Amino acid sequence: QVELVESGGGWVQAGGSLRLSCAASGRTGVQYVMAWFRQVPGKERAFVAATSWGGGNIYYADSVKGRFTISRDNAENTVYLQMNSLKPEDTAVYYCHVDTRWGYYWGQGTQVTVSS
């Protein structure tokens, strides 16, 4: 079992920045992928960004490229999402996702609200 604890969400004006964190604990093993998704009411959860274990493979949704940066600290089992130049359309609940050899897990979600 893996537990994911997210933090860093909140309210910000358009153009501002937020940094999300997600700490994993439990049976993560090594070589696991960490990612962020987001969801707005009435829509499916959407991919935002993902990073491989060593950070050599990083992927972003087109909508966040150039504005968001995903990174991870394997010693702390933590993944970060630095979000800059935020737009109102970035408003969503952001979920941390971990994909291990034994299965995948989701965090509880953290609300990000961007006002215009």
PDB file of N, CA and C in Angstrom:
ATOM      1  N   GLN A   1       0.843  -1.191   0.000  1.00  0.00           N
ATOM      2  CA  GLN A   1       0.000   0.000   0.000  1.00  0.00           C
ATOM      3  C   GLN A   1       0.883   1.248   0.000  1.00  0.00           C
ATOM      4  N   VAL A   2       0.443   2.262  -0.705  1.00  0.00           N
ATOM      5  CA  VAL A   2       1.175   3.525  -0.801  1.00  0.00           C
ATOM      6  C   VAL A   2       0.249   4.651  -0.377  1.00  0.00           C
ATOM      7  N   GLU A   3       0.762   5.541   0.441  1.00  0.00           N
ATOM      8  CA  GLU A   3      -0.001   6.729   0.830  1.00  0.00           C
ATOM      9  C   GLU A   3       0.643   7.954   0.201  1.00  0.00           C
ATOM     10  N   LEU A   4      -0.188   8.816  -0.357  1.00  0.00           N
ATOM     11  CA  LEU A   4       0.273  10.046  -0.981  1.00  0.00           C
ATOM     12  C   LEU A   4      -0.349  11.233  -0.263  1.00  0.00           C
ATOM     13  N   VAL A   5       0.481  12.156   0.170  1.00  0.00           N
ATOM     14  CA  VAL A   5       0.014  13.348   0.867  1.00  0.00           C
ATOM     15  C   VAL A   5       0.415  14.577   0.067  1.00  0.00           C
ATOM     16  N   GLU A   6      -0.589  15.305  -0.400  1.00  0.00           N
ATOM     17  CA  GLU A   6      -0.356  16.482  -1.234  1.00  0.00           C
ATOM     18  C   GLU A   6      -0.464  17.751  -0.403  1.00  0.00           C
ATOM     19  N   SER A   7       0.226  18.782  -0.867  1.00  0.00           N
ATOM     20  CA  SER A   7       0.133  20.087  -0.232  1.00  0.00           C
ATOM     21  C   SER A   7       0.493  21.161  -1.245  1.00  0.00           C
ATOM     22  N   GLY A   8       0.163  22.396  -0.908  1.00  0.00           N
ATOM     23  CA  GLY A   8       0.579  23.510  -1.736  1.00  0.00           C
ATOM     24  C   GLY A   8      -0.506  24.154  -2.565  1.00  0.00           C
ATOM     25  N   GLY A   9      -1.693  23.586  -2.583  1.00  0.00           N
ATOM     26  CA  GLY A   9      -2.769  24.208  -3.337  1.00  0.00           C
ATOM     27  C   GLY A   9      -3.237  25.486  -2.677  1.00  0.00           C
ATOM     28  N   GLY A  10      -4.111  26.216  -3.376  1.00  0.00           N
ATOM     29  CA  GLY A  10      -4.628  27.453  -2.812  1.00  0.00           C
ATOM     30  C   GLY A  10      -5.194  28.352  -3.872  1.00  0.00           C
ATOM     31  N   TRP A  11      -5.299  29.615  -3.522  1.00  0.00           N
ATOM     32  CA  TRP A  11      -5.874  30.623  -4.408  1.00  0.00           C
ATOM     33  C   TRP A  11      -4.772  31.564  -4.868  1.00  0.00           C
ATOM     34  N   VAL A  12      -4.815  31.927  -6.147  1.00  0.00           N
ATOM     35  CA  VAL A  12      -3.825  32.847  -6.686  1.00  0.00           C
ATOM     36  C   VAL A  12      -4.449  33.626  -7.831  1.00  0.00           C
ATOM     37  N   GLN A  13      -3.974  34.825  -8.042  1.00  0.00           N
ATOM     38  CA  GLN A  13      -4.447  35.609  -9.180  1.00  0.00           C
ATOM     39  C   GLN A  13      -3.758  35.152 -10.464  1.00  0.00           C
ATOM     40  N   ALA A  14      -4.419  35.388 -11.569  1.00  0.00           N
ATOM     41  CA  ALA A  14      -3.853  35.034 -12.866  1.00  0.00           C
ATOM     42  C   ALA A  14      -2.463  35.652 -13.019  1.00  0.00           C
ATOM     43  N   GLY A  15      -1.542  34.850 -13.544  1.00  0.00           N
ATOM     44  CA  GLY A  15      -0.163  35.289 -13.685  1.00  0.00           C
ATOM     45  C   GLY A  15       0.720  34.906 -12.520  1.00  0.00           C
ATOM     46  N   GLY A  16       0.106  34.454 -11.452  1.00  0.00           N
ATOM     47  CA  GLY A  16       0.845  34.082 -10.266  1.00  0.00           C
ATOM     48  C   GLY A  16       1.398  32.672 -10.342  1.00  0.00           C
ATOM     49  N   SER A  17       1.997  32.239  -9.220  1.00  0.00           N
ATOM     50  CA  SER A  17       2.648  30.935  -9.158  1.00  0.00           C
ATOM     51  C   SER A  17       2.224  30.179  -7.906  1.00  0.00           C
ATOM     52  N   LEU A  18       2.232  28.871  -8.024  1.00  0.00           N
ATOM     53  CA  LEU A  18       2.039  27.969  -6.885  1.00  0.00           C
ATOM     54  C   LEU A  18       2.960  26.774  -7.061  1.00  0.00           C
ATOM     55  N   ARG A  19       3.313  26.159  -5.939  1.00  0.00           N
ATOM     56  CA  ARG A  19       4.119  24.945  -5.994  1.00  0.00           C
ATOM     57  C   ARG A  19       3.416  23.853  -5.212  1.00  0.00           C
ATOM     58  N   LEU A  20       3.111  22.767  -5.898  1.00  0.00           N
ATOM     59  CA  LEU A  20       2.486  21.623  -5.266  1.00  0.00           C
ATOM     60  C   LEU A  20       3.546  20.603  -4.878  1.00  0.00           C
ATOM     61  N   SER A  21       3.299  19.918  -3.771  1.00  0.00           N
ATOM     62  CA  SER A  21       4.177  18.848  -3.330  1.00  0.00           C
ATOM     63  C   SER A  21       3.357  17.601  -3.063  1.00  0.00           C
ATOM     64  N   CYS A  22       3.971  16.452  -3.241  1.00  0.00           N
ATOM     65  CA  CYS A  22       3.308  15.180  -2.961  1.00  0.00           C
ATOM     66  C   CYS A  22       4.356  14.224  -2.398  1.00  0.00           C
ATOM     67  N   ALA A  23       4.151  13.823  -1.169  1.00  0.00           N
ATOM     68  CA  ALA A  23       5.074  12.911  -0.503  1.00  0.00           C
ATOM     69  C   ALA A  23       4.475  11.515  -0.481  1.00  0.00           C
ATOM     70  N   ALA A  24       5.258  10.539  -0.929  1.00  0.00           N
ATOM     71  CA  ALA A  24       4.812   9.149  -0.962  1.00  0.00           C
ATOM     72  C   ALA A  24       5.435   8.376   0.178  1.00  0.00           C
ATOM     73  N   SER A  25       4.664   7.481   0.761  1.00  0.00           N
ATOM     74  CA  SER A  25       5.175   6.596   1.802  1.00  0.00           C
ATOM     75  C   SER A  25       4.558   5.226   1.619  1.00  0.00           C
ATOM     76  N   GLY A  26       5.242   4.229   2.170  1.00  0.00           N
ATOM     77  CA  GLY A  26       4.751   2.872   2.039  1.00  0.00           C
ATOM     78  C   GLY A  26       5.555   2.083   1.021  1.00  0.00           C
ATOM     79  N   ARG A  27       4.912   1.133   0.394  1.00  0.00           N
ATOM     80  CA  ARG A  27       5.580   0.199  -0.492  1.00  0.00           C
ATOM     81  C   ARG A  27       5.689   0.766  -1.909  1.00  0.00           C
ATOM     82  N   THR A  28       6.595   1.712  -2.079  1.00  0.00           N
ATOM     83  CA  THR A  28       6.764   2.304  -3.400  1.00  0.00           C
ATOM     84  C   THR A  28       7.777   1.557  -4.238  1.00  0.00           C
ATOM     85  N   GLY A  29       8.749   0.933  -3.576  1.00  0.00           N
ATOM     86  CA  GLY A  29       9.828   0.317  -4.327  1.00  0.00           C
ATOM     87  C   GLY A  29      10.674   1.400  -4.980  1.00  0.00           C
ATOM     88  N   VAL A  30      11.310   1.064  -6.066  1.00  0.00           N
ATOM     89  CA  VAL A  30      12.105   2.016  -6.835  1.00  0.00           C
ATOM     90  C   VAL A  30      11.624   1.987  -8.268  1.00  0.00           C
ATOM     91  N   GLN A  31      12.163   2.897  -9.056  1.00  0.00           N
ATOM     92  CA  GLN A  31      11.836   2.967 -10.486  1.00  0.00           C
ATOM     93  C   GLN A  31      10.349   3.198 -10.724  1.00  0.00           C
ATOM     94  N   TYR A  32       9.715   3.977  -9.877  1.00  0.00           N
ATOM     95  CA  TYR A  32       8.302   4.228 -10.087  1.00  0.00           C
ATOM     96  C   TYR A  32       8.083   5.615 -10.682  1.00  0.00           C
ATOM     97  N   VAL A  33       7.041   5.707 -11.462  1.00  0.00           N
ATOM     98  CA  VAL A  33       6.689   6.960 -12.121  1.00  0.00           C
ATOM     99  C   VAL A  33       5.848   7.806 -11.173  1.00  0.00           C
ATOM    100  N   MET A  34       6.093   9.095 -11.174  1.00  0.00           N
ATOM    101  CA  MET A  34       5.275  10.031 -10.410  1.00  0.00           C
ATOM    102  C   MET A  34       4.687  11.051 -11.378  1.00  0.00           C
ATOM    103  N   ALA A  35       3.448  11.417 -11.134  1.00  0.00           N
ATOM    104  CA  ALA A  35       2.761  12.282 -12.086  1.00  0.00           C
ATOM    105  C   ALA A  35       1.728  13.147 -11.379  1.00  0.00           C
ATOM    106  N   TRP A  36       1.258  14.140 -12.113  1.00  0.00           N
ATOM    107  CA  TRP A  36       0.167  15.001 -11.661  1.00  0.00           C
ATOM    108  C   TRP A  36      -0.953  14.969 -12.704  1.00  0.00           C
ATOM    109  N   PHE A  37      -2.178  14.903 -12.212  1.00  0.00           N
ATOM    110  CA  PHE A  37      -3.385  15.018 -13.018  1.00  0.00           C
ATOM    111  C   PHE A  37      -4.232  16.125 -12.412  1.00  0.00           C
ATOM    112  N   ARG A  38      -5.242  16.565 -13.152  1.00  0.00           N
ATOM    113  CA  ARG A  38      -6.168  17.549 -12.611  1.00  0.00           C
ATOM    114  C   ARG A  38      -7.575  17.267 -13.112  1.00  0.00           C
ATOM    115  N   GLN A  39      -8.529  17.745 -12.348  1.00  0.00           N
ATOM    116  CA  GLN A  39      -9.934  17.478 -12.683  1.00  0.00           C
ATOM    117  C   GLN A  39     -10.802  18.658 -12.295  1.00  0.00           C
ATOM    118  N   VAL A  40     -11.697  19.023 -13.206  1.00  0.00           N
ATOM    119  CA  VAL A  40     -12.701  20.040 -12.919  1.00  0.00           C
ATOM    120  C   VAL A  40     -14.056  19.354 -12.887  1.00  0.00           C
ATOM    121  N   PRO A  41     -15.015  19.923 -12.195  1.00  0.00           N
ATOM    122  CA  PRO A  41     -16.332  19.280 -12.081  1.00  0.00           C
ATOM    123  C   PRO A  41     -16.948  18.999 -13.444  1.00  0.00           C
ATOM    124  N   GLY A  42     -17.451  17.787 -13.611  1.00  0.00           N
ATOM    125  CA  GLY A  42     -18.127  17.421 -14.839  1.00  0.00           C
ATOM    126  C   GLY A  42     -17.221  16.939 -15.938  1.00  0.00           C
ATOM    127  N   LYS A  43     -15.914  16.936 -15.676  1.00  0.00           N
ATOM    128  CA  LYS A  43     -14.970  16.474 -16.692  1.00  0.00           C
ATOM    129  C   LYS A  43     -14.108  15.349 -16.143  1.00  0.00           C
ATOM    130  N   GLU A  44     -13.512  14.594 -17.054  1.00  0.00           N
ATOM    131  CA  GLU A  44     -12.633  13.513 -16.654  1.00  0.00           C
ATOM    132  C   GLU A  44     -11.306  14.063 -16.134  1.00  0.00           C
ATOM    133  N   ARG A  45     -10.656  13.253 -15.303  1.00  0.00           N
ATOM    134  CA  ARG A  45      -9.339  13.620 -14.804  1.00  0.00           C
ATOM    135  C   ARG A  45      -8.371  13.670 -15.987  1.00  0.00           C
ATOM    136  N   ALA A  46      -7.572  14.730 -16.038  1.00  0.00           N
ATOM    137  CA  ALA A  46      -6.698  14.955 -17.185  1.00  0.00           C
ATOM    138  C   ALA A  46      -5.226  14.947 -16.769  1.00  0.00           C
ATOM    139  N   PHE A  47      -4.400  14.423 -17.634  1.00  0.00           N
ATOM    140  CA  PHE A  47      -2.957  14.376 -17.405  1.00  0.00           C
ATOM    141  C   PHE A  47      -2.362  15.786 -17.433  1.00  0.00           C
ATOM    142  N   VAL A  48      -1.419  16.018 -16.513  1.00  0.00           N
ATOM    143  CA  VAL A  48      -0.727  17.312 -16.481  1.00  0.00           C
ATOM    144  C   VAL A  48       0.762  17.127 -16.767  1.00  0.00           C
ATOM    145  N   ALA A  49       1.411  16.264 -15.979  1.00  0.00           N
ATOM    146  CA  ALA A  49       2.849  16.077 -16.128  1.00  0.00           C
ATOM    147  C   ALA A  49       3.269  14.777 -15.469  1.00  0.00           C
ATOM    148  N   ALA A  50       4.389  14.212 -15.934  1.00  0.00           N
ATOM    149  CA  ALA A  50       4.906  12.972 -15.357  1.00  0.00           C
ATOM    150  C   ALA A  50       6.418  12.960 -15.458  1.00  0.00           C
ATOM    151  N   THR A  51       7.041  12.250 -14.505  1.00  0.00           N
ATOM    152  CA  THR A  51       8.489  12.104 -14.516  1.00  0.00           C
ATOM    153  C   THR A  51       8.863  10.680 -14.164  1.00  0.00           C
ATOM    154  N   SER A  52       9.873  10.178 -14.855  1.00  0.00           N
ATOM    155  CA  SER A  52      10.390   8.854 -14.541  1.00  0.00           C
ATOM    156  C   SER A  52      11.256   8.923 -13.290  1.00  0.00           C
ATOM    157  N   TRP A  53      11.729   7.789 -12.844  1.00  0.00           N
ATOM    158  CA  TRP A  53      12.513   7.701 -11.616  1.00  0.00           C
ATOM    159  C   TRP A  53      13.717   8.640 -11.620  1.00  0.00           C
ATOM    160  N   GLY A  54      14.487   8.594 -12.681  1.00  0.00           N
ATOM    161  CA  GLY A  54      15.692   9.403 -12.745  1.00  0.00           C
ATOM    162  C   GLY A  54      15.486  10.782 -13.322  1.00  0.00           C
ATOM    163  N   GLY A  55      14.271  11.064 -13.745  1.00  0.00           N
ATOM    164  CA  GLY A  55      13.991  12.371 -14.314  1.00  0.00           C
ATOM    165  C   GLY A  55      14.422  12.506 -15.765  1.00  0.00           C
ATOM    166  N   GLY A  56      14.873  11.403 -16.356  1.00  0.00           N
ATOM    167  CA  GLY A  56      15.316  11.484 -17.739  1.00  0.00           C
ATOM    168  C   GLY A  56      14.170  11.519 -18.731  1.00  0.00           C
ATOM    169  N   ASN A  57      13.019  11.091 -18.299  1.00  0.00           N
ATOM    170  CA  ASN A  57      11.821  11.119 -19.149  1.00  0.00           C
ATOM    171  C   ASN A  57      10.765  11.948 -18.447  1.00  0.00           C
ATOM    172  N   ILE A  58      10.490  13.086 -19.008  1.00  0.00           N
ATOM    173  CA  ILE A  58       9.503  14.008 -18.452  1.00  0.00           C
ATOM    174  C   ILE A  58       8.512  14.376 -19.543  1.00  0.00           C
ATOM    175  N   TYR A  59       7.243  14.390 -19.192  1.00  0.00           N
ATOM    176  CA  TYR A  59       6.189  14.668 -20.159  1.00  0.00           C
ATOM    177  C   TYR A  59       5.241  15.717 -19.581  1.00  0.00           C
ATOM    178  N   TYR A  60       4.721  16.553 -20.471  1.00  0.00           N
ATOM    179  CA  TYR A  60       3.766  17.578 -20.094  1.00  0.00           C
ATOM    180  C   TYR A  60       2.585  17.590 -21.046  1.00  0.00           C
ATOM    181  N   ALA A  61       1.432  17.929 -20.516  1.00  0.00           N
ATOM    182  CA  ALA A  61       0.302  18.227 -21.381  1.00  0.00           C
ATOM    183  C   ALA A  61       0.608  19.501 -22.157  1.00  0.00           C
ATOM    184  N   ASP A  62       0.117  19.581 -23.370  1.00  0.00           N
ATOM    185  CA  ASP A  62       0.395  20.757 -24.196  1.00  0.00           C
ATOM    186  C   ASP A  62      -0.056  22.040 -23.511  1.00  0.00           C
ATOM    187  N   SER A  63      -1.124  21.961 -22.755  1.00  0.00           N
ATOM    188  CA  SER A  63      -1.703  23.152 -22.148  1.00  0.00           C
ATOM    189  C   SER A  63      -0.822  23.761 -21.058  1.00  0.00           C
ATOM    190  N   VAL A  64       0.154  23.005 -20.555  1.00  0.00           N
ATOM    191  CA  VAL A  64       0.982  23.521 -19.465  1.00  0.00           C
ATOM    192  C   VAL A  64       2.454  23.643 -19.845  1.00  0.00           C
ATOM    193  N   LYS A  65       2.828  23.215 -21.032  1.00  0.00           N
ATOM    194  CA  LYS A  65       4.222  23.286 -21.456  1.00  0.00           C
ATOM    195  C   LYS A  65       4.727  24.724 -21.409  1.00  0.00           C
ATOM    196  N   GLY A  66       5.927  24.862 -20.854  1.00  0.00           N
ATOM    197  CA  GLY A  66       6.525  26.186 -20.743  1.00  0.00           C
ATOM    198  C   GLY A  66       6.098  26.960 -19.521  1.00  0.00           C
ATOM    199  N   ARG A  67       5.085  26.488 -18.813  1.00  0.00           N
ATOM    200  CA  ARG A  67       4.604  27.173 -17.606  1.00  0.00           C
ATOM    201  C   ARG A  67       4.781  26.326 -16.351  1.00  0.00           C
ATOM    202  N   PHE A  68       4.617  25.025 -16.479  1.00  0.00           N
ATOM    203  CA  PHE A  68       4.721  24.108 -15.337  1.00  0.00           C
ATOM    204  C   PHE A  68       6.021  23.311 -15.432  1.00  0.00           C
ATOM    205  N   THR A  69       6.575  22.984 -14.267  1.00  0.00           N
ATOM    206  CA  THR A  69       7.773  22.154 -14.198  1.00  0.00           C
ATOM    207  C   THR A  69       7.582  21.082 -13.144  1.00  0.00           C
ATOM    208  N   ILE A  70       7.760  19.833 -13.544  1.00  0.00           N
ATOM    209  CA  ILE A  70       7.674  18.720 -12.604  1.00  0.00           C
ATOM    210  C   ILE A  70       9.087  18.305 -12.220  1.00  0.00           C
ATOM    211  N   SER A  71       9.261  17.972 -10.951  1.00  0.00           N
ATOM    212  CA  SER A  71      10.555  17.497 -10.471  1.00  0.00           C
ATOM    213  C   SER A  71      10.309  16.533  -9.314  1.00  0.00           C
ATOM    214  N   ARG A  72      11.366  15.816  -8.945  1.00  0.00           N
ATOM    215  CA  ARG A  72      11.199  14.861  -7.854  1.00  0.00           C
ATOM    216  C   ARG A  72      12.472  14.746  -7.039  1.00  0.00           C
ATOM    217  N   ASP A  73      12.298  14.377  -5.797  1.00  0.00           N
ATOM    218  CA  ASP A  73      13.399  14.118  -4.880  1.00  0.00           C
ATOM    219  C   ASP A  73      13.231  12.668  -4.415  1.00  0.00           C
ATOM    220  N   ASN A  74      14.009  11.767  -4.975  1.00  0.00           N
ATOM    221  CA  ASN A  74      13.826  10.352  -4.663  1.00  0.00           C
ATOM    222  C   ASN A  74      14.221  10.019  -3.229  1.00  0.00           C
ATOM    223  N   ALA A  75      15.145  10.761  -2.673  1.00  0.00           N
ATOM    224  CA  ALA A  75      15.536  10.522  -1.283  1.00  0.00           C
ATOM    225  C   ALA A  75      14.372  10.811  -0.338  1.00  0.00           C
ATOM    226  N   GLU A  76      13.502  11.747  -0.746  1.00  0.00           N
ATOM    227  CA  GLU A  76      12.344  12.111   0.070  1.00  0.00           C
ATOM    228  C   GLU A  76      11.044  11.527  -0.477  1.00  0.00           C
ATOM    229  N   ASN A  77      11.130  10.750  -1.555  1.00  0.00           N
ATOM    230  CA  ASN A  77       9.924  10.177  -2.185  1.00  0.00           C
ATOM    231  C   ASN A  77       8.877  11.261  -2.438  1.00  0.00           C
ATOM    232  N   THR A  78       9.334  12.369  -2.949  1.00  0.00           N
ATOM    233  CA  THR A  78       8.451  13.518  -3.141  1.00  0.00           C
ATOM    234  C   THR A  78       8.524  14.013  -4.577  1.00  0.00           C
ATOM    235  N   VAL A  79       7.376  14.385  -5.097  1.00  0.00           N
ATOM    236  CA  VAL A  79       7.299  14.988  -6.417  1.00  0.00           C
ATOM    237  C   VAL A  79       6.727  16.392  -6.259  1.00  0.00           C
ATOM    238  N   TYR A  80       7.210  17.296  -7.091  1.00  0.00           N
ATOM    239  CA  TYR A  80       6.787  18.692  -7.041  1.00  0.00           C
ATOM    240  C   TYR A  80       6.203  19.106  -8.396  1.00  0.00           C
ATOM    241  N   LEU A  81       5.343  20.093  -8.340  1.00  0.00           N
ATOM    242  CA  LEU A  81       4.842  20.716  -9.561  1.00  0.00           C
ATOM    243  C   LEU A  81       4.904  22.216  -9.369  1.00  0.00           C
ATOM    244  N   GLN A  82       5.867  22.846 -10.024  1.00  0.00           N
ATOM    245  CA  GLN A  82       5.990  24.296  -9.999  1.00  0.00           C
ATOM    246  C   GLN A  82       5.105  24.853 -11.100  1.00  0.00           C
ATOM    247  N   MET A  83       4.155  25.675 -10.729  1.00  0.00           N
ATOM    248  CA  MET A  83       3.196  26.212 -11.686  1.00  0.00           C
ATOM    249  C   MET A  83       3.360  27.722 -11.762  1.00  0.00           C
ATOM    250  N   ASN A  84       3.790  28.196 -12.910  1.00  0.00           N
ATOM    251  CA  ASN A  84       3.985  29.627 -13.139  1.00  0.00           C
ATOM    252  C   ASN A  84       3.004  30.141 -14.192  1.00  0.00           C
ATOM    253  N   SER A  85       2.873  31.437 -14.255  1.00  0.00           N
ATOM    254  CA  SER A  85       1.982  32.074 -15.244  1.00  0.00           C
ATOM    255  C   SER A  85       0.607  31.407 -15.248  1.00  0.00           C
ATOM    256  N   LEU A  86       0.070  31.229 -14.081  1.00  0.00           N
ATOM    257  CA  LEU A  86      -1.199  30.513 -13.955  1.00  0.00           C
ATOM    258  C   LEU A  86      -2.337  31.277 -14.619  1.00  0.00           C
ATOM    259  N   LYS A  87      -3.260  30.499 -15.189  1.00  0.00           N
ATOM    260  CA  LYS A  87      -4.418  31.035 -15.880  1.00  0.00           C
ATOM    261  C   LYS A  87      -5.690  30.550 -15.194  1.00  0.00           C
ATOM    262  N   PRO A  88      -6.791  31.274 -15.361  1.00  0.00           N
ATOM    263  CA  PRO A  88      -8.052  30.796 -14.759  1.00  0.00           C
ATOM    264  C   PRO A  88      -8.415  29.378 -15.181  1.00  0.00           C
ATOM    265  N   GLU A  89      -8.057  29.002 -16.402  1.00  0.00           N
ATOM    266  CA  GLU A  89      -8.373  27.645 -16.869  1.00  0.00           C
ATOM    267  C   GLU A  89      -7.532  26.561 -16.203  1.00  0.00           C
ATOM    268  N   ASP A  90      -6.552  26.966 -15.417  1.00  0.00           N
ATOM    269  CA  ASP A  90      -5.793  26.000 -14.625  1.00  0.00           C
ATOM    270  C   ASP A  90      -6.519  25.627 -13.338  1.00  0.00           C
ATOM    271  N   THR A  91      -7.593  26.312 -13.038  1.00  0.00           N
ATOM    272  CA  THR A  91      -8.363  26.006 -11.838  1.00  0.00           C
ATOM    273  C   THR A  91      -8.873  24.577 -11.892  1.00  0.00           C
ATOM    274  N   ALA A  92      -8.563  23.803 -10.847  1.00  0.00           N
ATOM    275  CA  ALA A  92      -8.944  22.388 -10.808  1.00  0.00           C
ATOM    276  C   ALA A  92      -8.498  21.799  -9.475  1.00  0.00           C
ATOM    277  N   VAL A  93      -8.920  20.583  -9.242  1.00  0.00           N
ATOM    278  CA  VAL A  93      -8.337  19.786  -8.166  1.00  0.00           C
ATOM    279  C   VAL A  93      -7.176  19.007  -8.776  1.00  0.00           C
ATOM    280  N   TYR A  94      -6.021  19.150  -8.184  1.00  0.00           N
ATOM    281  CA  TYR A  94      -4.815  18.500  -8.695  1.00  0.00           C
ATOM    282  C   TYR A  94      -4.534  17.239  -7.864  1.00  0.00           C
ATOM    283  N   TYR A  95      -4.284  16.152  -8.580  1.00  0.00           N
ATOM    284  CA  TYR A  95      -4.055  14.852  -7.944  1.00  0.00           C
ATOM    285  C   TYR A  95      -2.656  14.346  -8.252  1.00  0.00           C
ATOM    286  N   CYS A  96      -2.009  13.867  -7.225  1.00  0.00           N
ATOM    287  CA  CYS A  96      -0.736  13.183  -7.377  1.00  0.00           C
ATOM    288  C   CYS A  96      -1.009  11.721  -7.743  1.00  0.00           C
ATOM    289  N   HIS A  97      -0.167  11.169  -8.595  1.00  0.00           N
ATOM    290  CA  HIS A  97      -0.334   9.792  -9.058  1.00  0.00           C
ATOM    291  C   HIS A  97       1.016   9.099  -9.041  1.00  0.00           C
ATOM    292  N   VAL A  98       1.016   7.884  -8.497  1.00  0.00           N
ATOM    293  CA  VAL A  98       2.234   7.088  -8.466  1.00  0.00           C
ATOM    294  C   VAL A  98       1.946   5.739  -9.109  1.00  0.00           C
ATOM    295  N   ASP A  99       2.819   5.337  -9.994  1.00  0.00           N
ATOM    296  CA  ASP A  99       2.666   4.064 -10.702  1.00  0.00           C
ATOM    297  C   ASP A  99       3.846   3.179 -10.325  1.00  0.00           C
ATOM    298  N   THR A 100       3.596   2.169  -9.483  1.00  0.00           N
ATOM    299  CA  THR A 100       4.655   1.275  -9.026  1.00  0.00           C
ATOM    300  C   THR A 100       4.510  -0.092  -9.685  1.00  0.00           C
ATOM    301  N   ARG A 101       5.452  -0.951  -9.410  1.00  0.00           N
ATOM    302  CA  ARG A 101       5.398  -2.301  -9.969  1.00  0.00           C
ATOM    303  C   ARG A 101       4.243  -3.104  -9.396  1.00  0.00           C
ATOM    304  N   TRP A 102       3.685  -2.646  -8.275  1.00  0.00           N
ATOM    305  CA  TRP A 102       2.600  -3.386  -7.646  1.00  0.00           C
ATOM    306  C   TRP A 102       1.237  -2.769  -7.906  1.00  0.00           C
ATOM    307  N   GLY A 103       1.233  -1.635  -8.534  1.00  0.00           N
ATOM    308  CA  GLY A 103      -0.047  -0.990  -8.807  1.00  0.00           C
ATOM    309  C   GLY A 103       0.096   0.512  -8.796  1.00  0.00           C
ATOM    310  N   TYR A 104      -1.015   1.210  -9.049  1.00  0.00           N
ATOM    311  CA  TYR A 104      -0.961   2.665  -9.062  1.00  0.00           C
ATOM    312  C   TYR A 104      -1.857   3.211  -7.965  1.00  0.00           C
ATOM    313  N   TYR A 105      -1.539   4.441  -7.544  1.00  0.00           N
ATOM    314  CA  TYR A 105      -2.199   5.062  -6.408  1.00  0.00           C
ATOM    315  C   TYR A 105      -2.440   6.537  -6.688  1.00  0.00           C
ATOM    316  N   TRP A 106      -3.458   7.088  -6.004  1.00  0.00           N
ATOM    317  CA  TRP A 106      -3.821   8.492  -6.152  1.00  0.00           C
ATOM    318  C   TRP A 106      -3.777   9.184  -4.797  1.00  0.00           C
ATOM    319  N   GLY A 107      -3.421  10.460  -4.819  1.00  0.00           N
ATOM    320  CA  GLY A 107      -3.535  11.285  -3.633  1.00  0.00           C
ATOM    321  C   GLY A 107      -4.971  11.734  -3.451  1.00  0.00           C
ATOM    322  N   GLN A 108      -5.200  12.484  -2.385  1.00  0.00           N
ATOM    323  CA  GLN A 108      -6.559  12.909  -2.067  1.00  0.00           C
ATOM    324  C   GLN A 108      -6.976  14.149  -2.858  1.00  0.00           C
ATOM    325  N   GLY A 109      -6.021  14.807  -3.474  1.00  0.00           N
ATOM    326  CA  GLY A 109      -6.320  15.981  -4.276  1.00  0.00           C
ATOM    327  C   GLY A 109      -6.129  17.274  -3.504  1.00  0.00           C
ATOM    328  N   THR A 110      -5.705  18.306  -4.211  1.00  0.00           N
ATOM    329  CA  THR A 110      -5.552  19.629  -3.614  1.00  0.00           C
ATOM    330  C   THR A 110      -6.115  20.661  -4.595  1.00  0.00           C
ATOM    331  N   GLN A 111      -6.917  21.570  -4.069  1.00  0.00           N
ATOM    332  CA  GLN A 111      -7.611  22.543  -4.913  1.00  0.00           C
ATOM    333  C   GLN A 111      -6.676  23.686  -5.295  1.00  0.00           C
ATOM    334  N   VAL A 112      -6.672  24.006  -6.572  1.00  0.00           N
ATOM    335  CA  VAL A 112      -5.975  25.183  -7.085  1.00  0.00           C
ATOM    336  C   VAL A 112      -7.017  26.075  -7.748  1.00  0.00           C
ATOM    337  N   THR A 113      -7.092  27.313  -7.300  1.00  0.00           N
ATOM    338  CA  THR A 113      -8.046  28.268  -7.855  1.00  0.00           C
ATOM    339  C   THR A 113      -7.297  29.489  -8.360  1.00  0.00           C
ATOM    340  N   VAL A 114      -7.492  29.804  -9.635  1.00  0.00           N
ATOM    341  CA  VAL A 114      -6.831  30.956 -10.251  1.00  0.00           C
ATOM    342  C   VAL A 114      -7.908  31.955 -10.647  1.00  0.00           C
ATOM    343  N   SER A 115      -7.841  33.155 -10.089  1.00  0.00           N
ATOM    344  CA  SER A 115      -8.854  34.158 -10.378  1.00  0.00           C
ATOM    345  C   SER A 115      -8.339  35.103 -11.461  1.00  0.00           C
ATOM    346  N   SER A 116      -9.266  35.591 -12.246  1.00  0.00           N
ATOM    347  CA  SER A 116      -8.891  36.508 -13.345  1.00  0.00           C
ATOM    348  C   SER A 116      -8.858  37.942 -12.879  1.00  0.00           C
TER     349      SER A 116
END
